[in-house]
Structure formats: C-alpha cells, structure tokens
Amino acid sequence: MTGINLNKILKERGYKFTNQRQHVFDVVMENDGMHLNSQEIYELVREKHPEIGVATVYRTLALLEEMGLIYGVDFEDGFRRYEIVKNEEQHRHHHLLCIECGSIQEVEEDLLGSIEEKIYQNNRFKVINHRVKFYGYCENCQNK
C-alpha cells in the first residue's frame, strides 16, 4: 500500500489534512512489520518533529484505524501495536509470538483457507477475516 495520498483520503472522508497526521502515518508506513506501539510511534515522530504531542499521535492512530488505513493488534503485552492495512491481503497475516524473548514473526500464508471453506459448507457462514496468534519459542530461544 505504498504511494498513499493521505491528504486526498482524509478530505474524501470529511477530515482535515494536517502535517502532524501525515508525520504519524509516515512513521507507521516506514516501520511496517515492526509492530510498533503508540509510544514507540510517538518517540519516532518526535525525533523529526519534536513539536508534536503524544495526544496528537494517539488521536491520529485512532483516526487512521477508524478509516481502515492501519489496524491494531493486541499481543497480550499491554500494548496495542499497529500495522498498515494492505489492500492485497485477503485476510490479515498471522503472528508467531515467542513467549521467552517476546519476538514477533509474521506468517503471510493463509493457513486457514480449508477451514474457512468447511465453515461455509457446514454453516453457510462466510468468513471475511480472522486473527490468529501462535505462541511458542523462536529458533534463538530454542537453541539457548
């Protein structure tokens, strides 16, 4: 989802474009896949734009999520972590969470396609999305 014109999207949906919103969005885009929480995003924004307050970052993240440009994921560590919504994703990717070191890996394959089909056949329920997190030990922690 590169080349997004945030100004255009905001105006089409009745929101005002601000440089602060652009800066927050840029940080999320530049760090996609890093699973940054709001405080980490705030700190990265402040490196280049120290005038931006934490409340602005939080409000902007909420707005971007409401608009469907980003989504938050809860990894049960007390933080909501953000990722870019990719149009080409039929479903959001899965995550592997190491319970030893806290590392997070992404699994891009849709591992549940056959299960979704079975759900539809048995229940006439069409799954449009799901979120799956696998807990275990990463390779580094297994080798300790």
Protein backbone atom coordinates (compact mmCIF):
# COMPACT_ATOMS: atom_id res chain seq x y z
CA MET A 1 0.00 0.00 0.00
CA THR A 2 2.68 2.45 -0.98
CA GLY A 3 2.05 5.79 -2.60
CA ILE A 4 -0.98 6.56 -0.46
CA ASN A 5 -2.22 10.13 -0.73
CA LEU A 6 -3.32 10.72 2.84
CA ASN A 7 -4.42 14.27 2.06
CA LYS A 8 -6.85 13.02 -0.59
CA ILE A 9 -8.19 10.17 1.55
CA LEU A 10 -8.79 12.41 4.56
CA LYS A 11 -10.58 15.06 2.51
CA GLU A 12 -12.74 12.47 0.71
CA ARG A 13 -13.91 11.24 4.09
CA GLY A 14 -14.55 14.68 5.51
CA TYR A 15 -11.44 15.04 7.66
CA LYS A 16 -8.90 17.83 7.69
CA PHE A 17 -5.39 17.06 6.48
CA THR A 18 -2.61 18.13 8.82
CA ASN A 19 1.13 17.72 8.63
CA GLN A 20 1.01 16.05 12.06
CA ARG A 21 -1.30 13.33 10.73
CA GLN A 22 0.99 12.85 7.76
CA HIS A 23 4.04 12.51 10.02
CA VAL A 24 2.34 9.85 12.17
CA PHE A 25 1.19 7.95 9.10
CA ASP A 26 4.68 8.15 7.59
CA VAL A 27 6.24 6.60 10.70
CA VAL A 28 3.78 3.70 10.62
CA MET A 29 4.43 3.20 6.88
CA GLU A 30 8.21 3.37 7.27
CA ASN A 31 8.15 0.82 10.08
CA ASP A 32 5.53 -1.57 8.72
CA GLY A 33 6.09 -5.05 10.06
CA MET A 34 7.82 -3.74 13.19
CA HIS A 35 4.62 -3.95 15.29
CA LEU A 36 5.21 -0.58 16.95
CA ASN A 37 3.01 0.53 19.83
CA SER A 38 1.70 4.08 20.17
CA GLN A 39 4.52 5.17 22.50
CA GLU A 40 7.17 3.88 20.08
CA ILE A 41 5.42 5.64 17.20
CA TYR A 42 5.30 8.84 19.26
CA GLU A 43 9.03 8.62 20.02
CA LEU A 44 9.88 8.12 16.33
CA VAL A 45 7.66 11.02 15.28
CA ARG A 46 9.27 13.26 17.92
CA GLU A 47 12.76 12.54 16.57
CA LYS A 48 11.96 14.55 13.44
CA HIS A 49 9.06 16.66 14.71
CA PRO A 50 9.52 17.47 18.42
CA GLU A 51 6.57 19.87 18.38
CA ILE A 52 4.06 17.01 18.00
CA GLY A 53 2.41 15.97 21.26
CA VAL A 54 1.56 12.49 22.45
CA ALA A 55 -2.20 13.21 22.38
CA THR A 56 -1.96 14.12 18.68
CA VAL A 57 -0.25 10.81 17.95
CA TYR A 58 -2.88 8.82 19.87
CA ARG A 59 -5.77 10.65 18.20
CA THR A 60 -4.19 10.22 14.76
CA LEU A 61 -3.67 6.48 15.28
CA ALA A 62 -7.31 6.13 16.34
CA LEU A 63 -8.46 8.06 13.26
CA LEU A 64 -6.25 6.08 10.87
CA GLU A 65 -7.55 2.84 12.37
CA GLU A 66 -11.16 4.02 12.13
CA MET A 67 -10.55 4.86 8.47
CA GLY A 68 -9.15 1.38 7.80
CA LEU A 69 -5.66 2.56 6.83
CA ILE A 70 -3.98 0.85 9.79
CA TYR A 71 -5.08 -1.77 12.26
CA GLY A 72 -4.13 -2.50 15.82
CA VAL A 73 -3.13 -5.89 17.12
CA ASP A 74 -3.08 -6.93 20.76
CA PHE A 75 -0.27 -9.34 21.65
CA GLU A 76 -1.32 -9.52 25.32
CA ASP A 77 1.71 -7.47 26.38
CA GLY A 78 -0.31 -4.45 27.46
CA PHE A 79 0.20 -2.56 24.20
CA ARG A 80 -1.80 -2.12 21.03
CA ARG A 81 0.60 -2.48 18.10
CA TYR A 82 -0.05 -1.04 14.65
CA GLU A 83 0.35 -2.26 11.10
CA ILE A 84 -0.58 -0.94 7.68
CA VAL A 85 -3.66 -2.43 6.02
CA LYS A 86 -2.56 -3.91 2.71
CA ASN A 87 -5.26 -3.98 0.03
CA GLU A 88 -3.89 -7.17 -1.48
CA GLU A 89 -4.34 -9.10 1.77
CA GLN A 90 -7.47 -11.20 1.62
CA HIS A 91 -7.01 -11.80 5.34
CA ARG A 92 -4.64 -10.30 7.80
CA HIS A 93 -1.50 -12.29 8.29
CA HIS A 94 -0.85 -14.48 11.31
CA HIS A 95 1.72 -13.90 14.03
CA LEU A 96 4.20 -16.12 15.85
CA LEU A 97 4.90 -14.83 19.37
CA CYS A 98 7.90 -16.07 21.32
CA ILE A 99 6.93 -16.42 24.98
CA GLU A 100 10.59 -16.30 26.02
CA CYS A 101 12.02 -13.19 24.31
CA GLY A 102 8.83 -11.52 23.04
CA SER A 103 9.85 -11.54 19.38
CA ILE A 104 7.08 -11.38 16.79
CA GLN A 105 7.25 -13.01 13.37
CA GLU A 106 4.70 -12.73 10.59
CA VAL A 107 3.26 -15.66 8.66
CA GLU A 108 1.97 -14.46 5.30
CA GLU A 109 0.40 -17.70 4.12
CA ASP A 110 -3.35 -18.07 4.64
CA LEU A 111 -3.24 -21.22 6.71
CA LEU A 112 -6.97 -21.37 7.32
CA GLY A 113 -8.40 -21.41 3.79
CA SER A 114 -9.61 -25.00 4.00
CA ILE A 115 -11.13 -24.40 7.44
CA GLU A 116 -12.99 -21.35 6.15
CA GLU A 117 -14.36 -23.40 3.26
CA LYS A 118 -15.51 -26.11 5.67
CA ILE A 119 -17.18 -23.48 7.87
CA TYR A 120 -19.03 -22.19 4.83
CA GLN A 121 -20.10 -25.66 3.71
CA ASN A 122 -21.29 -26.71 7.18
CA ASN A 123 -22.73 -23.44 8.45
CA ARG A 124 -23.28 -21.23 5.39
CA PHE A 125 -21.14 -18.67 7.20
CA LYS A 126 -18.72 -16.71 5.02
CA VAL A 127 -15.57 -15.78 6.92
CA ILE A 128 -14.24 -12.43 5.73
CA ASN A 129 -11.32 -12.19 8.14
CA HIS A 130 -9.65 -13.74 11.15
CA ARG A 131 -6.78 -13.09 13.52
CA VAL A 132 -4.51 -15.90 14.62
CA LYS A 133 -1.59 -15.79 17.03
CA PHE A 134 0.64 -18.77 17.69
CA TYR A 135 2.59 -18.87 20.96
CA GLY A 136 5.83 -20.78 21.37
CA TYR A 137 9.61 -20.42 21.21
CA CYS A 138 11.56 -18.79 18.40
CA GLU A 139 14.61 -20.51 16.96
CA ASN A 140 17.04 -18.44 19.05
CA CYS A 141 15.28 -19.27 22.32
CA GLN A 142 15.05 -22.96 21.42
CA ASN A 143 18.82 -23.04 20.93
CA LYS A 144 19.66 -21.45 24.31
